Amino acid sequence: MKRRVAITGLGIISPVGNDLNTAWINIINGQSGINRITRFDSSVLILI
């Protein structure tokens, strides 16, 4: 049995923008979504 899919729009949650237009403009302009970690101590390395 084949399943059908309906695409109702495009959305994005991203470090370069939380809507499609902003993200696309930032990607085209070479804006990086990478930054330093500041919300917690990243100096501790945990290996699982």
Protein backbone atom coordinates (compact mmCIF):
# COMPACT_ATOMS: atom_id res chain seq x y z
CA MET A 1 0.00 0.00 0.00
CA LYS A 2 1.37 3.41 -1.00
CA ARG A 3 1.31 6.24 1.53
CA ARG A 4 0.57 9.79 0.50
CA VAL A 5 2.34 12.86 1.83
CA ALA A 6 1.10 16.44 1.72
CA ILE A 7 3.66 19.23 1.98
CA THR A 8 1.86 22.25 3.41
CA GLY A 9 4.77 24.70 3.64
CA LEU A 10 8.40 25.17 4.46
CA GLY A 11 9.76 25.96 7.91
CA ILE A 12 13.13 26.02 9.62
CA ILE A 13 14.63 26.28 13.08
CA SER A 14 18.30 27.05 12.60
CA PRO A 15 21.23 29.01 14.05
CA VAL A 16 21.17 31.21 10.92
CA GLY A 17 17.46 32.08 11.19
CA ASN A 18 14.15 30.77 12.45
CA ASP A 19 12.18 31.48 9.30
CA LEU A 20 12.89 30.47 5.74
CA ASN A 21 13.59 33.94 4.33
CA THR A 22 16.02 34.97 7.10
CA ALA A 23 17.87 31.64 6.99
CA TRP A 24 18.17 31.72 3.19
CA ILE A 25 19.50 35.30 3.17
CA ASN A 26 22.05 34.48 5.89
CA ILE A 27 23.17 31.31 4.07
CA ILE A 28 23.63 33.18 0.78
CA ASN A 29 25.58 35.92 2.58
CA GLY A 30 27.88 33.37 4.22
CA GLN A 31 26.64 34.01 7.77
CA SER A 32 27.87 31.30 10.13
CA GLY A 33 25.64 29.76 12.77
CA ILE A 34 28.68 28.73 14.83
CA ASN A 35 29.57 30.61 17.99
CA ARG A 36 31.27 30.00 21.34
CA ILE A 37 29.37 28.01 23.95
CA THR A 38 28.44 30.42 26.74
CA ARG A 39 25.44 28.85 28.52
CA PHE A 40 27.39 26.11 30.29
CA ASP A 41 30.96 25.11 31.12
CA SER A 42 32.24 23.44 27.96
CA SER A 43 35.74 22.83 29.37
CA VAL A 44 34.65 19.50 30.86
CA LEU A 45 34.78 16.71 28.30
CA ILE A 46 32.45 13.78 28.85
CA LEU A 47 32.97 10.65 26.76
CA ILE A 48 30.13 8.19 26.54
